[in-house]
Amino acid sequence: MLRRGKPAFASFGKWFKNEYDQGEYFIKIIDKLTN
């Protein structure tokens, strides 16, 4: 695997944040797991 350090991690962070902000589906899964 390529080691790009923080820039790659930052890009992943942005991707994850965008997915999470849009991710009501993800929240519903967590809600099912916790209830």
C-alpha atoms as a PDB file:
ATOM      1  CA  MET A   1       0.000   0.000   0.000  1.00  0.00           C
ATOM      2  CA  LEU A   2       1.064   3.575  -0.586  1.00  0.00           C
ATOM      3  CA  ARG A   3       2.055   5.685   2.370  1.00  0.00           C
ATOM      4  CA  ARG A   4       0.928   9.235   1.802  1.00  0.00           C
ATOM      5  CA  GLY A   5       0.630  10.242   5.444  1.00  0.00           C
ATOM      6  CA  LYS A   6      -1.630  13.028   6.576  1.00  0.00           C
ATOM      7  CA  PRO A   7      -2.912  14.229   3.154  1.00  0.00           C
ATOM      8  CA  ALA A   8      -4.425  10.816   2.457  1.00  0.00           C
ATOM      9  CA  PHE A   9      -5.880  10.693   5.949  1.00  0.00           C
ATOM     10  CA  ALA A  10      -7.314  14.197   5.501  1.00  0.00           C
ATOM     11  CA  SER A  11      -8.919  13.173   2.209  1.00  0.00           C
ATOM     12  CA  PHE A  12     -10.407  10.116   3.887  1.00  0.00           C
ATOM     13  CA  GLY A  13     -11.633  12.342   6.703  1.00  0.00           C
ATOM     14  CA  LYS A  14     -13.390  14.632   4.240  1.00  0.00           C
ATOM     15  CA  TRP A  15     -14.926  11.642   2.449  1.00  0.00           C
ATOM     16  CA  PHE A  16     -16.070  10.101   5.732  1.00  0.00           C
ATOM     17  CA  LYS A  17     -17.514  13.415   6.940  1.00  0.00           C
ATOM     18  CA  ASN A  18     -19.452  13.855   3.692  1.00  0.00           C
ATOM     19  CA  GLU A  19     -20.760  10.295   3.883  1.00  0.00           C
ATOM     20  CA  TYR A  20     -21.662  10.775   7.536  1.00  0.00           C
ATOM     21  CA  ASP A  21     -23.396  14.114   6.947  1.00  0.00           C
ATOM     22  CA  GLN A  22     -25.503  12.507   4.222  1.00  0.00           C
ATOM     23  CA  GLY A  23     -25.705   9.178   6.010  1.00  0.00           C
ATOM     24  CA  GLU A  24     -29.094   8.898   7.651  1.00  0.00           C
ATOM     25  CA  TYR A  25     -28.927   5.268   6.530  1.00  0.00           C
ATOM     26  CA  PHE A  26     -25.820   4.770   8.658  1.00  0.00           C
ATOM     27  CA  ILE A  27     -27.535   6.433  11.615  1.00  0.00           C
ATOM     28  CA  LYS A  28     -30.538   4.133  11.189  1.00  0.00           C
ATOM     29  CA  ILE A  29     -28.256   1.088  11.307  1.00  0.00           C
ATOM     30  CA  ILE A  30     -26.647   2.329  14.520  1.00  0.00           C
ATOM     31  CA  ASP A  31     -30.099   3.020  15.923  1.00  0.00           C
ATOM     32  CA  LYS A  32     -31.166  -0.557  15.167  1.00  0.00           C
ATOM     33  CA  LEU A  33     -28.019  -1.963  16.744  1.00  0.00           C
ATOM     34  CA  THR A  34     -28.421   0.088  19.904  1.00  0.00           C
ATOM     35  CA  ASN A  35     -32.146  -0.510  20.426  1.00  0.00           C
END
